[in-house]
N, C-alpha and C. Protein backbone atom coordinates (compact mmCIF):
# COMPACT_ATOMS: atom_id res chain seq x y z
N UNK A 1 -99.27 18.42 243.60
CA UNK A 1 -99.19 16.82 243.57
C UNK A 1 -98.21 17.18 245.09
N UNK A 2 -98.62 16.09 245.97
CA UNK A 2 -97.73 15.97 247.33
C UNK A 2 -96.73 14.90 247.19
N UNK A 3 -95.60 14.84 247.97
CA UNK A 3 -94.65 13.88 247.94
C UNK A 3 -95.38 12.58 248.31
N UNK A 4 -96.34 12.53 249.10
CA UNK A 4 -97.10 11.27 249.45
C UNK A 4 -97.80 10.79 248.35
N UNK A 5 -98.54 11.68 247.21
CA UNK A 5 -99.35 11.47 246.30
C UNK A 5 -98.01 10.83 245.23
N UNK A 6 -96.99 11.28 245.13
CA UNK A 6 -95.76 10.97 244.12
C UNK A 6 -95.33 9.38 244.69
N UNK A 7 -95.19 9.45 245.74
CA UNK A 7 -94.61 8.03 246.35
C UNK A 7 -95.70 7.01 246.22
N UNK A 8 -97.09 7.28 246.40
CA UNK A 8 -98.19 6.52 246.39
C UNK A 8 -98.28 5.67 244.83
N UNK A 9 -98.08 6.77 243.99
CA UNK A 9 -98.49 6.31 242.84
C UNK A 9 -97.24 5.44 242.20
N UNK A 10 -96.21 5.98 242.44
CA UNK A 10 -94.98 5.23 242.01
C UNK A 10 -94.88 3.83 242.41
N UNK A 11 -95.07 3.65 243.85
CA UNK A 11 -95.43 2.35 244.45
C UNK A 11 -96.45 1.73 244.01
N UNK A 12 -97.13 2.22 243.38
CA UNK A 12 -98.45 1.56 242.41
C UNK A 12 -97.87 0.96 241.18
N UNK A 13 -97.18 1.48 240.78
CA UNK A 13 -96.32 1.07 239.42
C UNK A 13 -95.30 0.12 239.54
N UNK A 14 -95.06 -0.43 240.94
CA UNK A 14 -94.20 -1.28 241.04
C UNK A 14 -92.52 -0.92 241.45
N UNK A 15 -92.50 0.53 241.70
CA UNK A 15 -91.35 0.95 242.15
C UNK A 15 -90.89 0.77 243.66
N UNK A 16 -89.58 0.75 243.77
CA UNK A 16 -89.23 0.83 245.33
C UNK A 16 -88.48 2.12 245.25
N UNK A 17 -88.49 2.69 246.60
CA UNK A 17 -87.67 4.05 246.74
C UNK A 17 -86.67 4.15 247.42
N UNK A 18 -85.50 4.65 247.27
CA UNK A 18 -84.10 4.78 248.08
C UNK A 18 -84.05 6.23 248.46
N UNK A 19 -84.18 6.86 249.39
CA UNK A 19 -84.24 8.08 249.63
C UNK A 19 -82.79 8.62 249.34
N UNK A 20 -82.36 10.00 249.27
CA UNK A 20 -81.17 10.37 248.78
C UNK A 20 -80.44 10.59 250.54
N UNK A 21 -79.69 9.92 250.74
CA UNK A 21 -79.21 9.94 252.25
C UNK A 21 -77.77 10.65 252.15
N UNK A 22 -77.49 11.45 251.52
CA UNK A 22 -76.43 12.33 251.49
C UNK A 22 -76.41 13.27 250.33
N UNK A 23 -77.49 14.33 250.78
CA UNK A 23 -77.77 15.22 249.84
C UNK A 23 -76.32 16.53 249.71
N UNK A 24 -76.42 16.98 248.76
CA UNK A 24 -75.03 17.89 248.60
C UNK A 24 -75.70 19.70 249.19
N UNK A 25 -75.19 20.27 249.21
CA UNK A 25 -75.60 21.72 249.63
C UNK A 25 -76.63 22.20 248.70
N UNK A 26 -76.49 22.00 247.64
CA UNK A 26 -77.38 22.46 246.71
C UNK A 26 -78.17 21.29 246.08
N UNK A 27 -78.51 20.21 246.78
CA UNK A 27 -79.07 18.95 245.92
C UNK A 27 -80.65 19.01 246.01
N UNK A 28 -81.00 18.96 245.14
CA UNK A 28 -82.73 18.91 245.10
C UNK A 28 -83.52 17.63 245.18
N UNK A 29 -82.43 16.70 245.07
CA UNK A 29 -82.92 15.14 244.65
C UNK A 29 -83.34 14.78 246.14
N UNK A 30 -84.67 14.10 246.00
CA UNK A 30 -85.39 13.65 247.41
C UNK A 30 -84.76 12.22 247.46
N UNK A 31 -84.78 11.47 246.03
CA UNK A 31 -84.22 9.98 246.31
C UNK A 31 -84.81 9.52 244.76
N UNK A 32 -84.49 8.07 244.59
CA UNK A 32 -84.86 7.26 243.32
C UNK A 32 -85.91 6.52 243.48
N UNK A 33 -86.68 6.31 242.61
CA UNK A 33 -87.52 5.15 242.50
C UNK A 33 -86.99 4.13 241.61
N UNK A 34 -87.33 2.64 241.93
CA UNK A 34 -86.32 1.92 241.01
C UNK A 34 -87.14 0.70 240.89
N UNK A 35 -86.96 0.00 239.64
CA UNK A 35 -87.51 -1.20 239.44
C UNK A 35 -86.80 -2.11 238.56
N UNK A 36 -86.27 -3.38 238.42
CA UNK A 36 -86.07 -4.14 237.09
C UNK A 36 -87.09 -4.16 236.02
N UNK A 37 -86.16 -4.15 234.98
CA UNK A 37 -86.95 -4.52 233.67
C UNK A 37 -86.26 -5.50 232.79
N UNK A 38 -87.12 -6.10 231.51
CA UNK A 38 -86.26 -6.85 230.94
C UNK A 38 -86.59 -6.39 229.54
N UNK A 39 -85.01 -6.55 229.07
CA UNK A 39 -85.33 -5.89 227.52
C UNK A 39 -84.44 -6.98 226.72
N UNK A 40 -84.28 -6.55 225.57
CA UNK A 40 -83.51 -7.48 224.45
C UNK A 40 -82.20 -7.62 224.68
N UNK A 41 -81.61 -6.58 225.27
CA UNK A 41 -80.33 -6.76 225.48
C UNK A 41 -79.85 -6.21 226.88
N UNK A 42 -79.87 -7.36 227.70
CA UNK A 42 -79.69 -7.25 229.27
C UNK A 42 -78.56 -6.86 229.77
N UNK A 43 -78.57 -5.95 230.95
CA UNK A 43 -77.12 -5.66 231.45
C UNK A 43 -76.39 -6.54 231.59
N UNK A 44 -75.14 -6.82 231.17
CA UNK A 44 -74.19 -7.58 231.44
C UNK A 44 -73.80 -8.03 232.55
N UNK A 45 -73.94 -7.15 233.66
CA UNK A 45 -73.63 -7.51 235.00
C UNK A 45 -74.94 -7.95 235.95
N UNK A 46 -75.89 -7.60 235.84
CA UNK A 46 -77.07 -7.93 236.40
C UNK A 46 -77.90 -8.53 235.50
N UNK A 47 -78.94 -9.50 235.81
CA UNK A 47 -79.64 -10.30 235.03
C UNK A 47 -80.75 -9.42 234.26
N UNK A 48 -81.20 -8.40 234.91
CA UNK A 48 -81.97 -7.31 234.40
C UNK A 48 -81.66 -6.06 234.50
N UNK A 49 -82.03 -4.89 233.50
CA UNK A 49 -81.86 -3.67 233.47
C UNK A 49 -82.53 -3.02 234.41
N UNK A 50 -82.22 -1.86 235.03
CA UNK A 50 -82.89 -1.07 235.77
C UNK A 50 -83.52 0.25 235.35
N UNK A 51 -84.89 0.49 235.79
CA UNK A 51 -85.69 1.69 235.41
C UNK A 51 -85.40 2.30 236.65
N UNK A 52 -85.08 3.51 236.64
CA UNK A 52 -84.90 4.36 237.70
C UNK A 52 -85.43 5.63 237.44
N UNK A 53 -86.46 6.37 238.38
CA UNK A 53 -86.84 7.44 238.28
C UNK A 53 -86.27 8.41 239.55
N UNK A 54 -85.68 9.48 239.35
CA UNK A 54 -85.12 10.14 240.44
C UNK A 54 -85.91 11.36 240.45
N UNK A 55 -86.64 11.87 241.88
CA UNK A 55 -87.65 12.67 242.15
C UNK A 55 -86.75 13.94 242.94
N UNK A 56 -87.03 15.06 242.11
CA UNK A 56 -86.16 16.43 242.65
C UNK A 56 -87.45 17.40 243.33
N UNK A 57 -87.04 17.92 244.02
CA UNK A 57 -87.92 19.03 244.67
C UNK A 57 -87.33 20.45 244.63
N UNK A 58 -87.93 21.24 243.88
CA UNK A 58 -87.04 22.47 244.03
C UNK A 58 -87.27 23.45 245.28
N UNK A 59 -88.27 23.04 245.94
CA UNK A 59 -88.31 23.84 247.13
C UNK A 59 -87.15 23.65 248.06
N UNK A 60 -86.31 22.66 247.62
CA UNK A 60 -85.09 22.48 248.43
C UNK A 60 -83.92 23.30 248.30
N UNK A 61 -84.29 23.98 246.94
CA UNK A 61 -82.82 25.05 246.63
C UNK A 61 -82.87 26.15 247.67
N UNK A 62 -81.64 26.60 248.05
CA UNK A 62 -81.54 27.33 248.96
C UNK A 62 -82.27 29.20 248.33
N UNK A 63 -82.31 29.16 246.99
CA UNK A 63 -82.76 30.37 246.13
C UNK A 63 -84.38 30.37 246.59
N UNK A 64 -84.74 29.23 246.87
CA UNK A 64 -86.23 29.27 246.90
C UNK A 64 -87.17 29.98 248.20
N UNK A 65 -86.19 30.36 249.00
CA UNK A 65 -86.86 30.97 250.46
C UNK A 65 -87.34 32.26 249.98
N UNK A 66 -88.09 32.60 250.30
CA UNK A 66 -88.95 33.85 250.11
C UNK A 66 -90.01 33.71 249.01
N UNK A 67 -89.96 32.51 247.79
CA UNK A 67 -90.69 32.58 246.90
C UNK A 67 -92.22 31.90 247.41
N UNK A 68 -93.11 32.49 246.82
CA UNK A 68 -94.49 31.98 246.54
C UNK A 68 -94.59 30.44 246.33
N UNK A 69 -94.48 29.53 247.31
CA UNK A 69 -94.47 28.26 246.65
C UNK A 69 -95.75 27.94 246.17
N UNK A 70 -96.56 28.26 246.06
CA UNK A 70 -97.99 27.85 245.28
C UNK A 70 -97.90 28.16 243.81
N UNK A 71 -96.91 29.04 243.55
CA UNK A 71 -96.71 29.48 242.06
C UNK A 71 -95.72 28.84 241.35
N UNK A 72 -95.05 27.83 242.29
CA UNK A 72 -93.49 27.21 241.74
C UNK A 72 -94.10 25.75 241.46
N UNK A 73 -93.62 25.08 240.53
CA UNK A 73 -93.77 23.50 239.96
C UNK A 73 -92.56 22.75 241.23
N UNK A 74 -93.27 22.30 241.95
CA UNK A 74 -92.67 21.66 243.27
C UNK A 74 -91.53 20.41 242.95
N UNK A 75 -92.00 19.46 242.10
CA UNK A 75 -91.28 18.19 241.62
C UNK A 75 -90.84 18.30 240.26
N UNK A 76 -89.85 17.51 240.12
CA UNK A 76 -89.59 17.17 238.63
C UNK A 76 -88.98 15.89 238.74
N UNK A 77 -89.29 14.91 237.70
CA UNK A 77 -88.57 13.60 237.45
C UNK A 77 -87.81 13.38 236.72
N UNK A 78 -86.84 12.47 236.45
CA UNK A 78 -86.04 12.29 235.79
C UNK A 78 -85.83 10.53 235.51
N UNK A 79 -86.48 10.13 234.25
CA UNK A 79 -86.58 8.67 234.08
C UNK A 79 -85.37 8.18 233.26
N UNK A 80 -84.71 6.92 233.85
CA UNK A 80 -83.49 6.63 232.96
C UNK A 80 -83.46 4.96 233.26
N UNK A 81 -82.70 4.41 232.17
CA UNK A 81 -82.05 3.24 232.17
C UNK A 81 -80.55 2.95 232.53
N UNK A 82 -80.39 2.17 233.26
CA UNK A 82 -78.98 2.00 233.93
C UNK A 82 -78.49 0.99 233.42
N UNK A 83 -77.21 0.34 232.82
CA UNK A 83 -76.76 -0.90 232.96
C UNK A 83 -75.44 -0.94 232.15
N UNK A 84 -74.77 -1.88 232.01
CA UNK A 84 -73.53 -2.29 231.44
C UNK A 84 -73.79 -2.78 230.06
N UNK A 85 -73.58 -2.02 229.17
CA UNK A 85 -74.08 -2.37 227.73
C UNK A 85 -72.86 -3.41 226.95
N UNK A 86 -71.88 -2.85 227.17
CA UNK A 86 -70.53 -3.60 226.63
C UNK A 86 -69.49 -3.82 227.71
N UNK A 87 -68.57 -4.90 227.91
CA UNK A 87 -67.90 -5.14 228.87
C UNK A 87 -66.99 -3.88 229.48
N UNK A 88 -67.26 -3.53 230.92
CA UNK A 88 -66.63 -2.63 231.43
C UNK A 88 -67.00 -1.25 231.23
N UNK A 89 -68.14 -1.17 230.50
CA UNK A 89 -68.95 0.11 230.12
C UNK A 89 -70.37 0.23 230.36
N UNK A 90 -70.67 1.34 231.22
CA UNK A 90 -71.73 1.42 232.03
C UNK A 90 -72.69 2.64 230.81
N UNK A 91 -74.08 2.58 230.87
CA UNK A 91 -74.70 3.67 230.08
C UNK A 91 -75.80 4.03 230.99
N UNK A 92 -76.23 5.08 231.02
CA UNK A 92 -77.31 6.04 231.77
C UNK A 92 -78.02 6.79 230.53
N UNK A 93 -79.15 6.18 229.96
CA UNK A 93 -79.78 7.02 228.89
C UNK A 93 -81.09 7.51 229.89
N UNK A 94 -81.41 8.91 229.94
CA UNK A 94 -82.42 9.51 230.56
C UNK A 94 -83.50 10.54 229.76
N UNK A 95 -84.59 10.49 230.38
CA UNK A 95 -85.27 11.69 229.95
C UNK A 95 -85.91 12.83 231.30
N UNK A 96 -85.36 13.88 231.19
CA UNK A 96 -85.55 14.48 232.17
C UNK A 96 -86.52 15.77 232.15
N UNK A 97 -86.79 16.36 233.26
CA UNK A 97 -87.51 17.50 233.26
C UNK A 97 -89.10 17.26 233.03
N UNK A 98 -89.36 15.80 233.73
CA UNK A 98 -90.78 15.63 233.82
C UNK A 98 -91.52 16.05 235.05
N UNK A 99 -92.82 16.54 234.53
CA UNK A 99 -93.88 16.78 235.70
C UNK A 99 -94.28 15.42 235.96
N UNK A 100 -94.57 15.62 237.41
CA UNK A 100 -95.16 14.19 237.93
C UNK A 100 -96.52 13.67 237.22
N UNK A 101 -97.35 14.56 237.00
CA UNK A 101 -98.67 14.57 236.24
C UNK A 101 -98.34 13.87 234.83
N UNK A 102 -97.27 14.12 234.07
CA UNK A 102 -97.08 13.86 232.98
C UNK A 102 -96.40 12.62 232.99
N UNK A 103 -95.39 12.31 233.57
CA UNK A 103 -94.98 11.12 233.86
C UNK A 103 -96.10 10.31 233.96
N UNK A 104 -97.19 10.37 235.00
CA UNK A 104 -97.72 9.25 235.36
C UNK A 104 -98.80 9.02 233.98
N UNK A 105 -99.07 10.03 233.31
CA UNK A 105 -99.67 9.82 232.17
C UNK A 105 -99.01 9.16 230.92
N UNK A 106 -97.78 9.42 230.88
CA UNK A 106 -97.00 8.82 229.93
C UNK A 106 -96.15 8.01 230.40
N UNK A 107 -95.94 7.49 231.28
CA UNK A 107 -94.83 6.34 232.06
C UNK A 107 -94.56 5.16 230.90
N UNK A 108 -95.21 4.70 230.48
CA UNK A 108 -95.35 3.57 229.57
C UNK A 108 -94.44 3.87 228.26
N UNK A 109 -95.05 5.16 227.48
CA UNK A 109 -94.10 5.50 226.49
C UNK A 109 -92.82 6.02 226.87
N UNK A 110 -92.76 6.66 227.87
CA UNK A 110 -91.32 7.10 228.45
C UNK A 110 -90.50 5.66 228.64
N UNK A 111 -91.09 4.78 229.21
CA UNK A 111 -90.10 3.39 229.22
C UNK A 111 -90.10 2.74 228.01
N UNK A 112 -90.79 2.81 226.98
CA UNK A 112 -90.60 2.44 225.85
C UNK A 112 -89.52 3.01 224.98
N UNK A 113 -89.55 4.47 224.99
CA UNK A 113 -88.65 5.13 224.43
C UNK A 113 -87.34 4.80 224.85
N UNK A 114 -86.87 4.69 226.49
CA UNK A 114 -85.99 4.50 226.87
C UNK A 114 -85.29 2.90 226.36
N UNK A 115 -86.25 2.06 226.42
CA UNK A 115 -86.10 0.93 225.92
C UNK A 115 -85.41 0.54 224.61
N UNK A 116 -86.17 1.48 223.51
CA UNK A 116 -85.78 1.55 222.29
C UNK A 116 -84.20 2.11 222.40
N UNK A 117 -84.14 3.04 222.88
CA UNK A 117 -82.66 3.51 222.65
C UNK A 117 -81.49 2.74 223.36
N UNK A 118 -82.15 1.86 224.56
CA UNK A 118 -81.23 0.96 225.09
C UNK A 118 -80.55 -0.02 224.15
N UNK A 119 -81.75 -0.48 223.68
CA UNK A 119 -81.66 -1.70 222.61
C UNK A 119 -80.82 -1.46 221.50
N UNK A 120 -80.87 0.04 221.02
CA UNK A 120 -80.38 0.40 219.63
C UNK A 120 -78.64 0.68 220.08
N UNK A 121 -78.23 0.85 221.41
CA UNK A 121 -76.65 1.15 221.37
C UNK A 121 -75.82 -0.10 220.77
N UNK A 122 -75.10 0.30 220.34
CA UNK A 122 -74.27 -0.89 219.49
C UNK A 122 -73.13 -1.36 220.12
């Protein structure tokens, strides 16, 4: 799957994209897809919670030089819900290491699991 294919599919699911503007030396993060969602326990600061999906490209690792990139799983996704769940306390719940194909097959289940966990926070 190419970067353009991932971006097109994510945009089709209603996500906006924020590129990683300040990558670190060993940073493989390309950027973050995000959209607002509604839960039974909304973020205290924002009117809606945020569902984010970070995109990582492992070919950006300095150690990837000389690897046969055709044999390497290039992209990985981390899906997360971020919000303030009690005053002055923020939480970030995530599911990581998702291959793009798997995420697109299961994105509704991934979001539902994160929402259940978010709503279960005391």
